[in-house]
Structures are given as structure tokens and as C-alpha cells.
Amino acid sequence: MTQVAVPVASPPATVPMEARIVGVAVDLFATHGIDATSLQMIADALGITKGAVYYHFRTKHEIVLAVCADSFD
């Protein structure tokens, strides 16, 4: 029996969760608009719970500010 090596992708944990949330938020904001994008939509896109999003950002407004801060860096 021959064994085949399966390449292992780098785990997404190498990117900080805050950065992942902001990245997904940018995409969803661009597609749906800020008002129409919910924290649940962001969580679903990342495959995490809404509570996990709240752990990193207390409000959607904080995510919007983080998106803006990334634009100025």
C-alpha cells in the first residue's frame, strides 16, 4: 500500500482574529453596506459565533472604526 503525502495548509490561526474579522467586514460592507451588514453575517462568514466577534469588538461601530483605521495605516 502506497501512502500519499497530503499538503497541510497553514492554519488560519496565524492571522490574528481581529484582522480576520476586519477583513471579512470590509468585504461584507462593500457588498451589503455597513447598515445592512450584521455581526451575525460577519460571524457566519468566519465560521465562528457572534459571541466570538463580541469578544474582540464590543460593537459593530468598533469594527467600522477598525476598518477606517486600517485605511489610514
N, C-alpha and C. Protein backbone atom coordinates (compact mmCIF):
# COMPACT_ATOMS: atom_id res chain seq x y z
N MET A 1 0.84 -1.17 0.00
CA MET A 1 0.00 0.00 0.00
C MET A 1 0.89 1.24 0.00
N THR A 2 0.59 2.17 -0.88
CA THR A 2 1.38 3.39 -1.01
C THR A 2 0.69 4.52 -0.25
N GLN A 3 1.48 5.24 0.51
CA GLN A 3 0.93 6.39 1.24
C GLN A 3 1.22 7.65 0.44
N VAL A 4 0.26 8.52 0.39
CA VAL A 4 0.39 9.78 -0.32
C VAL A 4 0.48 10.90 0.69
N ALA A 5 1.48 11.74 0.51
CA ALA A 5 1.61 12.90 1.40
C ALA A 5 0.57 13.94 1.03
N VAL A 6 -0.14 14.40 2.02
CA VAL A 6 -1.16 15.43 1.81
C VAL A 6 -0.60 16.74 2.34
N PRO A 7 -0.52 17.76 1.46
CA PRO A 7 0.00 19.05 1.96
C PRO A 7 -0.92 19.63 3.01
N VAL A 8 -0.32 20.19 4.01
CA VAL A 8 -1.08 20.79 5.11
C VAL A 8 -1.06 22.30 4.93
N ALA A 9 -2.22 22.88 4.84
CA ALA A 9 -2.32 24.34 4.72
C ALA A 9 -1.99 24.99 6.05
N SER A 10 -1.45 26.18 5.97
CA SER A 10 -1.15 26.87 7.22
C SER A 10 -2.46 27.19 7.94
N PRO A 11 -2.50 27.01 9.23
CA PRO A 11 -3.75 27.24 9.96
C PRO A 11 -4.14 28.71 9.94
N PRO A 12 -5.43 28.98 9.85
CA PRO A 12 -5.87 30.38 9.84
C PRO A 12 -5.56 31.10 11.14
N ALA A 13 -5.17 30.35 12.16
CA ALA A 13 -4.86 30.96 13.45
C ALA A 13 -3.59 31.82 13.37
N THR A 14 -2.84 31.71 12.27
CA THR A 14 -1.63 32.52 12.15
C THR A 14 -1.97 33.99 11.93
N VAL A 15 -3.18 34.25 11.47
CA VAL A 15 -3.65 35.63 11.30
C VAL A 15 -4.49 35.96 12.53
N PRO A 16 -4.20 37.06 13.21
CA PRO A 16 -4.99 37.40 14.40
C PRO A 16 -6.48 37.51 14.08
N MET A 17 -7.30 37.06 15.01
CA MET A 17 -8.74 37.06 14.79
C MET A 17 -9.28 38.45 14.51
N GLU A 18 -8.73 39.46 15.17
CA GLU A 18 -9.19 40.84 14.91
C GLU A 18 -8.99 41.20 13.44
N ALA A 19 -7.85 40.82 12.89
CA ALA A 19 -7.56 41.11 11.48
C ALA A 19 -8.49 40.33 10.56
N ARG A 20 -8.80 39.09 10.93
CA ARG A 20 -9.72 38.29 10.13
C ARG A 20 -11.12 38.89 10.14
N ILE A 21 -11.55 39.35 11.31
CA ILE A 21 -12.87 39.98 11.43
C ILE A 21 -12.93 41.24 10.58
N VAL A 22 -11.91 42.06 10.66
CA VAL A 22 -11.89 43.31 9.89
C VAL A 22 -11.87 43.00 8.39
N GLY A 23 -11.10 42.00 7.98
CA GLY A 23 -11.04 41.65 6.56
C GLY A 23 -12.37 41.20 6.01
N VAL A 24 -13.06 40.35 6.77
CA VAL A 24 -14.38 39.89 6.35
C VAL A 24 -15.37 41.05 6.37
N ALA A 25 -15.27 41.91 7.38
CA ALA A 25 -16.18 43.06 7.48
C ALA A 25 -16.02 43.97 6.27
N VAL A 26 -14.81 44.19 5.83
CA VAL A 26 -14.58 45.04 4.65
C VAL A 26 -15.32 44.47 3.45
N ASP A 27 -15.18 43.16 3.23
CA ASP A 27 -15.86 42.52 2.10
C ASP A 27 -17.38 42.63 2.21
N LEU A 28 -17.90 42.36 3.41
CA LEU A 28 -19.35 42.43 3.59
C LEU A 28 -19.87 43.86 3.52
N PHE A 29 -19.13 44.81 4.06
CA PHE A 29 -19.53 46.21 3.97
C PHE A 29 -19.59 46.65 2.51
N ALA A 30 -18.62 46.22 1.73
CA ALA A 30 -18.58 46.58 0.31
C ALA A 30 -19.74 45.96 -0.46
N THR A 31 -20.12 44.76 -0.08
CA THR A 31 -21.19 44.05 -0.78
C THR A 31 -22.58 44.51 -0.34
N HIS A 32 -22.78 44.61 0.98
CA HIS A 32 -24.12 44.86 1.51
C HIS A 32 -24.31 46.26 2.10
N GLY A 33 -23.22 46.97 2.32
CA GLY A 33 -23.30 48.25 3.01
C GLY A 33 -23.12 48.05 4.50
N ILE A 34 -22.72 49.09 5.18
CA ILE A 34 -22.46 48.99 6.62
C ILE A 34 -23.74 48.70 7.39
N ASP A 35 -24.80 49.45 7.08
CA ASP A 35 -26.04 49.28 7.84
C ASP A 35 -26.66 47.90 7.66
N ALA A 36 -26.53 47.33 6.47
CA ALA A 36 -27.16 46.04 6.19
C ALA A 36 -26.31 44.85 6.63
N THR A 37 -25.07 45.09 7.04
CA THR A 37 -24.20 44.01 7.49
C THR A 37 -24.36 43.85 9.00
N SER A 38 -24.68 42.63 9.40
CA SER A 38 -24.85 42.37 10.83
C SER A 38 -23.62 41.66 11.39
N LEU A 39 -23.50 41.69 12.70
CA LEU A 39 -22.42 40.94 13.35
C LEU A 39 -22.61 39.45 13.09
N GLN A 40 -23.84 39.00 12.98
CA GLN A 40 -24.09 37.59 12.68
C GLN A 40 -23.57 37.23 11.30
N MET A 41 -23.72 38.12 10.33
CA MET A 41 -23.20 37.86 8.99
C MET A 41 -21.68 37.75 9.02
N ILE A 42 -21.04 38.61 9.78
CA ILE A 42 -19.58 38.56 9.91
C ILE A 42 -19.17 37.24 10.56
N ALA A 43 -19.85 36.87 11.63
CA ALA A 43 -19.54 35.62 12.33
C ALA A 43 -19.75 34.42 11.40
N ASP A 44 -20.84 34.40 10.68
CA ASP A 44 -21.13 33.29 9.77
C ASP A 44 -20.06 33.16 8.69
N ALA A 45 -19.60 34.29 8.16
CA ALA A 45 -18.58 34.27 7.12
C ALA A 45 -17.26 33.70 7.64
N LEU A 46 -17.01 33.87 8.92
CA LEU A 46 -15.78 33.36 9.52
C LEU A 46 -15.94 31.97 10.11
N GLY A 47 -17.18 31.50 10.23
CA GLY A 47 -17.42 30.20 10.83
C GLY A 47 -17.23 30.21 12.34
N ILE A 48 -17.53 31.36 12.95
CA ILE A 48 -17.42 31.49 14.41
C ILE A 48 -18.77 31.97 14.95
N THR A 49 -18.88 32.03 16.27
CA THR A 49 -20.13 32.51 16.86
C THR A 49 -20.12 34.03 16.95
N LYS A 50 -21.31 34.59 17.07
CA LYS A 50 -21.42 36.04 17.24
C LYS A 50 -20.75 36.45 18.54
N GLY A 51 -20.82 35.60 19.55
CA GLY A 51 -20.14 35.88 20.82
C GLY A 51 -18.64 36.03 20.65
N ALA A 52 -18.07 35.25 19.74
CA ALA A 52 -16.63 35.35 19.47
C ALA A 52 -16.29 36.70 18.84
N VAL A 53 -17.18 37.20 18.01
CA VAL A 53 -16.97 38.54 17.42
C VAL A 53 -17.04 39.58 18.54
N TYR A 54 -18.03 39.45 19.42
CA TYR A 54 -18.17 40.39 20.54
C TYR A 54 -16.98 40.34 21.49
N TYR A 55 -16.32 39.21 21.57
CA TYR A 55 -15.13 39.09 22.42
C TYR A 55 -14.03 40.04 21.94
N HIS A 56 -13.95 40.23 20.63
CA HIS A 56 -12.89 41.07 20.04
C HIS A 56 -13.34 42.51 19.80
N PHE A 57 -14.61 42.69 19.52
CA PHE A 57 -15.17 44.03 19.25
C PHE A 57 -16.50 44.14 19.97
N ARG A 58 -16.65 45.17 20.80
CA ARG A 58 -17.88 45.31 21.60
C ARG A 58 -19.09 45.68 20.75
N THR A 59 -18.87 46.41 19.65
CA THR A 59 -19.98 46.85 18.80
C THR A 59 -19.55 46.82 17.33
N LYS A 60 -20.54 46.89 16.45
CA LYS A 60 -20.23 46.99 15.02
C LYS A 60 -19.51 48.30 14.74
N HIS A 61 -19.83 49.32 15.51
CA HIS A 61 -19.17 50.62 15.34
C HIS A 61 -17.65 50.48 15.55
N GLU A 62 -17.24 49.67 16.52
CA GLU A 62 -15.81 49.44 16.73
C GLU A 62 -15.17 48.75 15.52
N ILE A 63 -15.91 47.86 14.87
CA ILE A 63 -15.39 47.21 13.67
C ILE A 63 -15.25 48.23 12.55
N VAL A 64 -16.26 49.10 12.40
CA VAL A 64 -16.19 50.15 11.38
C VAL A 64 -14.97 51.05 11.63
N LEU A 65 -14.74 51.41 12.89
CA LEU A 65 -13.56 52.23 13.22
C LEU A 65 -12.27 51.50 12.89
N ALA A 66 -12.22 50.19 13.14
CA ALA A 66 -11.03 49.40 12.83
C ALA A 66 -10.81 49.34 11.31
N VAL A 67 -11.88 49.24 10.56
CA VAL A 67 -11.78 49.24 9.09
C VAL A 67 -11.21 50.59 8.64
N CYS A 68 -11.71 51.67 9.22
CA CYS A 68 -11.22 53.00 8.86
C CYS A 68 -9.75 53.17 9.28
N ALA A 69 -9.39 52.67 10.44
CA ALA A 69 -8.02 52.79 10.91
C ALA A 69 -7.07 52.05 9.97
N ASP A 70 -7.48 50.89 9.46
CA ASP A 70 -6.66 50.15 8.51
C ASP A 70 -6.46 50.95 7.23
N SER A 71 -7.45 51.73 6.84
CA SER A 71 -7.36 52.53 5.62
C SER A 71 -6.32 53.64 5.76
N PHE A 72 -6.11 54.11 6.96
CA PHE A 72 -5.19 55.22 7.18
C PHE A 72 -3.77 54.77 7.53
N ASP A 73 -3.59 53.47 7.77
CA ASP A 73 -2.26 52.96 8.09
C ASP A 73 -1.43 52.70 6.86
